[in-house]
């Protein structure tokens, strides 16, 4: 899952972490495994500010809202790979 830091505007500008679903948003990006435990751990560790090299802490609300609307307990493609795996 590709994430990008964007300013939310307003004085002073706030930084937000948004999901870049198509990979075309401008700005510094970072990659994160699309697993619930990875997202929760990154939020708890406040890792996004370091990874995205923002001058201030970032707001993860847009990421959390996007994640709540998804059903991504397993990475995309893993279920189909498991289905196609040879049974021994």
C-alpha atoms as a PDB file:
ATOM      1  CA  UNK A   1       0.000   0.000   0.000  1.00  0.00           C
ATOM      2  CA  UNK A   2       1.495   3.340  -1.043  1.00  0.00           C
ATOM      3  CA  UNK A   3       1.069   6.292   1.324  1.00  0.00           C
ATOM      4  CA  UNK A   4       1.756   9.978   0.698  1.00  0.00           C
ATOM      5  CA  UNK A   5       2.028  12.971   3.029  1.00  0.00           C
ATOM      6  CA  UNK A   6      -0.100  15.928   1.960  1.00  0.00           C
ATOM      7  CA  UNK A   7      -0.798  19.260   3.562  1.00  0.00           C
ATOM      8  CA  UNK A   8      -4.327  19.798   4.770  1.00  0.00           C
ATOM      9  CA  UNK A   9      -4.045  23.576   4.468  1.00  0.00           C
ATOM     10  CA  UNK A  10      -4.795  26.190   7.046  1.00  0.00           C
ATOM     11  CA  UNK A  11      -2.345  28.225   9.062  1.00  0.00           C
ATOM     12  CA  UNK A  12      -0.159  26.462  10.086  1.00  0.00           C
ATOM     13  CA  UNK A  13      -0.375  23.681   7.498  1.00  0.00           C
ATOM     14  CA  UNK A  14      -1.157  20.240   8.875  1.00  0.00           C
ATOM     15  CA  UNK A  15       0.295  17.100   7.368  1.00  0.00           C
ATOM     16  CA  UNK A  16      -1.964  14.136   6.636  1.00  0.00           C
ATOM     17  CA  UNK A  17      -1.207  10.588   5.555  1.00  0.00           C
ATOM     18  CA  UNK A  18      -3.362   9.550   2.610  1.00  0.00           C
ATOM     19  CA  UNK A  19      -3.486   6.311   0.633  1.00  0.00           C
ATOM     20  CA  UNK A  20      -2.269   6.710  -2.936  1.00  0.00           C
ATOM     21  CA  UNK A  21      -4.304   3.976  -4.627  1.00  0.00           C
ATOM     22  CA  UNK A  22      -3.095   4.762  -8.149  1.00  0.00           C
ATOM     23  CA  UNK A  23       0.464   5.797  -7.363  1.00  0.00           C
ATOM     24  CA  UNK A  24       0.152   9.226  -8.957  1.00  0.00           C
ATOM     25  CA  UNK A  25      -0.147  11.654  -6.049  1.00  0.00           C
ATOM     26  CA  UNK A  26       2.646  14.205  -5.697  1.00  0.00           C
ATOM     27  CA  UNK A  27       4.775  14.288  -2.594  1.00  0.00           C
ATOM     28  CA  UNK A  28       7.022  12.025  -0.597  1.00  0.00           C
ATOM     29  CA  UNK A  29       5.724   8.482  -0.434  1.00  0.00           C
ATOM     30  CA  UNK A  30       6.226   5.409   1.705  1.00  0.00           C
ATOM     31  CA  UNK A  31       5.185   1.780   1.413  1.00  0.00           C
ATOM     32  CA  UNK A  32       3.362  -0.209   4.090  1.00  0.00           C
ATOM     33  CA  UNK A  33       2.167  -3.807   4.123  1.00  0.00           C
ATOM     34  CA  UNK A  34      -1.620  -3.859   3.692  1.00  0.00           C
ATOM     35  CA  UNK A  35      -2.168  -5.780   6.922  1.00  0.00           C
ATOM     36  CA  UNK A  36      -4.071  -4.581   9.968  1.00  0.00           C
ATOM     37  CA  UNK A  37      -1.202  -5.315  12.356  1.00  0.00           C
ATOM     38  CA  UNK A  38       1.260  -3.330  10.204  1.00  0.00           C
ATOM     39  CA  UNK A  39      -1.046  -0.310   9.996  1.00  0.00           C
ATOM     40  CA  UNK A  40      -1.802  -0.381  13.737  1.00  0.00           C
ATOM     41  CA  UNK A  41       1.865  -0.752  14.648  1.00  0.00           C
ATOM     42  CA  UNK A  42       2.970   2.102  12.363  1.00  0.00           C
ATOM     43  CA  UNK A  43       0.326   4.390  13.886  1.00  0.00           C
ATOM     44  CA  UNK A  44       1.285   3.411  17.446  1.00  0.00           C
ATOM     45  CA  UNK A  45       5.002   3.973  16.740  1.00  0.00           C
ATOM     46  CA  UNK A  46       4.293   7.272  14.974  1.00  0.00           C
ATOM     47  CA  UNK A  47       6.422   5.997  12.111  1.00  0.00           C
ATOM     48  CA  UNK A  48       4.776   8.019   9.348  1.00  0.00           C
ATOM     49  CA  UNK A  49       6.428  11.323  10.225  1.00  0.00           C
ATOM     50  CA  UNK A  50       9.873   9.722   9.967  1.00  0.00           C
ATOM     51  CA  UNK A  51       9.113   7.659   6.862  1.00  0.00           C
ATOM     52  CA  UNK A  52       7.534  10.572   5.006  1.00  0.00           C
ATOM     53  CA  UNK A  53      10.098  13.077   6.335  1.00  0.00           C
ATOM     54  CA  UNK A  54       7.563  15.677   7.404  1.00  0.00           C
ATOM     55  CA  UNK A  55       8.688  18.617   9.550  1.00  0.00           C
ATOM     56  CA  UNK A  56       5.825  18.038  12.031  1.00  0.00           C
ATOM     57  CA  UNK A  57       3.754  15.099  13.273  1.00  0.00           C
ATOM     58  CA  UNK A  58       1.208  13.803  10.752  1.00  0.00           C
ATOM     59  CA  UNK A  59      -2.518  13.231  11.071  1.00  0.00           C
ATOM     60  CA  UNK A  60      -3.383   9.590  10.349  1.00  0.00           C
ATOM     61  CA  UNK A  61      -7.169  10.103  10.376  1.00  0.00           C
ATOM     62  CA  UNK A  62      -7.545   9.871   6.549  1.00  0.00           C
ATOM     63  CA  UNK A  63      -5.581   6.603   6.570  1.00  0.00           C
ATOM     64  CA  UNK A  64      -7.677   5.199   9.420  1.00  0.00           C
ATOM     65  CA  UNK A  65     -10.918   6.188   7.672  1.00  0.00           C
ATOM     66  CA  UNK A  66      -9.746   4.609   4.403  1.00  0.00           C
ATOM     67  CA  UNK A  67      -8.682   1.448   6.232  1.00  0.00           C
ATOM     68  CA  UNK A  68     -12.050   1.169   8.010  1.00  0.00           C
ATOM     69  CA  UNK A  69     -13.807   1.098   4.618  1.00  0.00           C
ATOM     70  CA  UNK A  70     -11.552  -1.680   3.300  1.00  0.00           C
ATOM     71  CA  UNK A  71     -11.528  -5.408   3.884  1.00  0.00           C
ATOM     72  CA  UNK A  72      -7.777  -5.980   3.760  1.00  0.00           C
ATOM     73  CA  UNK A  73      -6.997  -8.456   6.507  1.00  0.00           C
ATOM     74  CA  UNK A  74      -4.822 -10.327   3.996  1.00  0.00           C
ATOM     75  CA  UNK A  75      -2.747  -8.692   1.283  1.00  0.00           C
ATOM     76  CA  UNK A  76      -4.347  -8.577  -2.174  1.00  0.00           C
ATOM     77  CA  UNK A  77      -3.557 -11.662  -4.203  1.00  0.00           C
ATOM     78  CA  UNK A  78      -2.661 -13.943  -1.284  1.00  0.00           C
ATOM     79  CA  UNK A  79      -6.058 -15.620  -1.212  1.00  0.00           C
ATOM     80  CA  UNK A  80      -5.926 -16.323  -4.948  1.00  0.00           C
ATOM     81  CA  UNK A  81      -2.370 -17.676  -4.619  1.00  0.00           C
ATOM     82  CA  UNK A  82      -3.485 -20.011  -1.851  1.00  0.00           C
ATOM     83  CA  UNK A  83      -6.378 -21.228  -3.992  1.00  0.00           C
ATOM     84  CA  UNK A  84      -4.038 -21.991  -6.902  1.00  0.00           C
ATOM     85  CA  UNK A  85      -1.412 -23.738  -4.777  1.00  0.00           C
ATOM     86  CA  UNK A  86      -0.941 -27.445  -5.422  1.00  0.00           C
ATOM     87  CA  UNK A  87      -2.251 -29.673  -2.674  1.00  0.00           C
ATOM     88  CA  UNK A  88       0.164 -32.425  -1.623  1.00  0.00           C
END
